[in-house]
Amino acid sequence: MKLREGDTVNGRPTRTPPFVSVSIVEFGPPHPVPLLLTVEEVASLLRTTRRAIYAMVERGQLPGVTHIGRRVLFRSAALLDWLDRSALLRSENK
């Protein structure tokens, strides 16, 4: 079912399709980054999946990997530094 302007959802008229989302970015003081990041946090930061992060760990593609027991954690300073250097290299190659 495709919605068009003027259709109703839950008795309310629509102006844009429900799959359009708007995000609001609030600027403020930076949030402190934990010393160690989980696989989920790194996946969110890199906008990828947990499965992709585990594959990158196995291939040795991510810095700051620490194993504590069965857990895979990442040193945030090493990962953020790596991201900064990667962005700098990309901007220099343009």
C-alpha atoms as a PDB file:
ATOM      1  CA  MET A   1       0.000   0.000   0.000  1.00  0.00           C
ATOM      2  CA  LYS A   2       1.463   3.304  -1.054  1.00  0.00           C
ATOM      3  CA  LEU A   3       0.517   6.454   0.807  1.00  0.00           C
ATOM      4  CA  ARG A   4       0.051   9.776  -0.898  1.00  0.00           C
ATOM      5  CA  GLU A   5      -0.426  13.243   0.466  1.00  0.00           C
ATOM      6  CA  GLY A   6      -3.939  13.568   1.823  1.00  0.00           C
ATOM      7  CA  ASP A   7      -4.291   9.889   2.815  1.00  0.00           C
ATOM      8  CA  THR A   8      -4.973   9.202   6.455  1.00  0.00           C
ATOM      9  CA  VAL A   9      -3.099   7.071   8.971  1.00  0.00           C
ATOM     10  CA  ASN A  10      -4.800   6.436  12.309  1.00  0.00           C
ATOM     11  CA  GLY A  11      -7.369   9.076  11.391  1.00  0.00           C
ATOM     12  CA  ARG A  12      -4.744  11.775  10.730  1.00  0.00           C
ATOM     13  CA  PRO A  13      -3.985  13.168   7.275  1.00  0.00           C
ATOM     14  CA  THR A  14      -0.468  12.483   6.023  1.00  0.00           C
ATOM     15  CA  ARG A  15       1.793  15.080   4.524  1.00  0.00           C
ATOM     16  CA  THR A  16       4.771  12.833   3.841  1.00  0.00           C
ATOM     17  CA  PRO A  17       5.039   9.064   3.645  1.00  0.00           C
ATOM     18  CA  PRO A  18       5.632   7.414   7.040  1.00  0.00           C
ATOM     19  CA  PHE A  19       9.043   6.072   5.975  1.00  0.00           C
ATOM     20  CA  VAL A  20      10.518   9.571   5.826  1.00  0.00           C
ATOM     21  CA  SER A  21      12.266  10.447   9.037  1.00  0.00           C
ATOM     22  CA  VAL A  22      13.732  13.679  10.252  1.00  0.00           C
ATOM     23  CA  SER A  23      16.551  13.748  12.728  1.00  0.00           C
ATOM     24  CA  ILE A  24      17.384  16.674  14.927  1.00  0.00           C
ATOM     25  CA  VAL A  25      21.014  17.222  15.768  1.00  0.00           C
ATOM     26  CA  GLU A  26      21.622  18.949  19.052  1.00  0.00           C
ATOM     27  CA  PHE A  27      24.941  20.632  19.573  1.00  0.00           C
ATOM     28  CA  GLY A  28      26.344  20.725  23.031  1.00  0.00           C
ATOM     29  CA  PRO A  29      29.293  19.546  25.030  1.00  0.00           C
ATOM     30  CA  PRO A  30      30.849  16.366  23.648  1.00  0.00           C
ATOM     31  CA  HIS A  31      29.915  13.157  25.362  1.00  0.00           C
ATOM     32  CA  PRO A  32      32.796  11.380  27.047  1.00  0.00           C
ATOM     33  CA  VAL A  33      33.834   8.244  25.169  1.00  0.00           C
ATOM     34  CA  PRO A  34      34.378   5.135  27.290  1.00  0.00           C
ATOM     35  CA  LEU A  35      37.909   3.715  27.424  1.00  0.00           C
ATOM     36  CA  LEU A  36      36.727   0.435  25.894  1.00  0.00           C
ATOM     37  CA  LEU A  37      33.988   0.061  23.278  1.00  0.00           C
ATOM     38  CA  THR A  38      31.861  -3.036  22.663  1.00  0.00           C
ATOM     39  CA  VAL A  39      31.318  -4.656  19.274  1.00  0.00           C
ATOM     40  CA  GLU A  40      27.837  -3.114  19.186  1.00  0.00           C
ATOM     41  CA  GLU A  41      29.204   0.381  19.857  1.00  0.00           C
ATOM     42  CA  VAL A  42      31.883   0.037  17.184  1.00  0.00           C
ATOM     43  CA  ALA A  43      29.329  -1.276  14.690  1.00  0.00           C
ATOM     44  CA  SER A  44      27.146   1.739  15.412  1.00  0.00           C
ATOM     45  CA  LEU A  45      30.101   4.113  15.121  1.00  0.00           C
ATOM     46  CA  LEU A  46      31.148   2.623  11.774  1.00  0.00           C
ATOM     47  CA  ARG A  47      27.524   2.241  10.651  1.00  0.00           C
ATOM     48  CA  THR A  48      27.832  -1.446   9.927  1.00  0.00           C
ATOM     49  CA  THR A  49      26.764  -4.743  11.471  1.00  0.00           C
ATOM     50  CA  ARG A  50      28.176  -6.718  14.376  1.00  0.00           C
ATOM     51  CA  ARG A  51      28.928  -9.532  11.946  1.00  0.00           C
ATOM     52  CA  ALA A  52      31.028  -7.188   9.786  1.00  0.00           C
ATOM     53  CA  ILE A  53      32.958  -6.011  12.867  1.00  0.00           C
ATOM     54  CA  TYR A  54      33.748  -9.612  13.882  1.00  0.00           C
ATOM     55  CA  ALA A  55      34.945 -10.314  10.311  1.00  0.00           C
ATOM     56  CA  MET A  56      37.148  -7.192  10.358  1.00  0.00           C
ATOM     57  CA  VAL A  57      38.624  -8.305  13.700  1.00  0.00           C
ATOM     58  CA  GLU A  58      39.480 -11.740  12.270  1.00  0.00           C
ATOM     59  CA  ARG A  59      41.159 -10.114   9.246  1.00  0.00           C
ATOM     60  CA  GLY A  60      43.108  -7.717  11.479  1.00  0.00           C
ATOM     61  CA  GLN A  61      41.553  -4.635   9.882  1.00  0.00           C
ATOM     62  CA  LEU A  62      40.640  -2.774  13.075  1.00  0.00           C
ATOM     63  CA  PRO A  63      43.059  -1.270  15.589  1.00  0.00           C
ATOM     64  CA  GLY A  64      42.836  -1.398  19.364  1.00  0.00           C
ATOM     65  CA  VAL A  65      41.265  -4.856  19.602  1.00  0.00           C
ATOM     66  CA  THR A  66      41.382  -6.326  23.104  1.00  0.00           C
ATOM     67  CA  HIS A  67      40.091  -9.741  24.135  1.00  0.00           C
ATOM     68  CA  ILE A  68      38.896 -10.108  27.700  1.00  0.00           C
ATOM     69  CA  GLY A  69      37.704 -13.639  28.162  1.00  0.00           C
ATOM     70  CA  ARG A  70      35.318 -14.293  25.289  1.00  0.00           C
ATOM     71  CA  ARG A  71      34.519 -10.606  24.861  1.00  0.00           C
ATOM     72  CA  VAL A  72      35.970  -8.506  22.079  1.00  0.00           C
ATOM     73  CA  LEU A  73      36.508  -4.894  23.087  1.00  0.00           C
ATOM     74  CA  PHE A  74      38.162  -1.949  21.364  1.00  0.00           C
ATOM     75  CA  ARG A  75      40.359   0.772  22.844  1.00  0.00           C
ATOM     76  CA  SER A  76      38.441   3.886  21.875  1.00  0.00           C
ATOM     77  CA  ALA A  77      41.535   6.100  21.549  1.00  0.00           C
ATOM     78  CA  ALA A  78      43.143   3.729  19.020  1.00  0.00           C
ATOM     79  CA  LEU A  79      39.940   3.346  17.010  1.00  0.00           C
ATOM     80  CA  LEU A  80      39.173   7.088  16.924  1.00  0.00           C
ATOM     81  CA  ASP A  81      42.775   7.892  15.963  1.00  0.00           C
ATOM     82  CA  TRP A  82      42.552   5.326  13.147  1.00  0.00           C
ATOM     83  CA  LEU A  83      39.315   6.929  11.910  1.00  0.00           C
ATOM     84  CA  ASP A  84      40.905  10.391  11.968  1.00  0.00           C
ATOM     85  CA  ARG A  85      43.952   9.185  10.022  1.00  0.00           C
ATOM     86  CA  SER A  86      41.745   7.357   7.489  1.00  0.00           C
ATOM     87  CA  ALA A  87      39.671  10.485   6.902  1.00  0.00           C
ATOM     88  CA  LEU A  88      42.832  12.574   6.507  1.00  0.00           C
ATOM     89  CA  LEU A  89      44.274  10.151   3.939  1.00  0.00           C
ATOM     90  CA  ARG A  90      41.029  10.167   1.962  1.00  0.00           C
ATOM     91  CA  SER A  91      40.889  13.972   1.917  1.00  0.00           C
ATOM     92  CA  GLU A  92      44.528  14.191   0.738  1.00  0.00           C
ATOM     93  CA  ASN A  93      43.888  11.735  -2.129  1.00  0.00           C
ATOM     94  CA  LYS A  94      41.016  13.782  -3.572  1.00  0.00           C
END
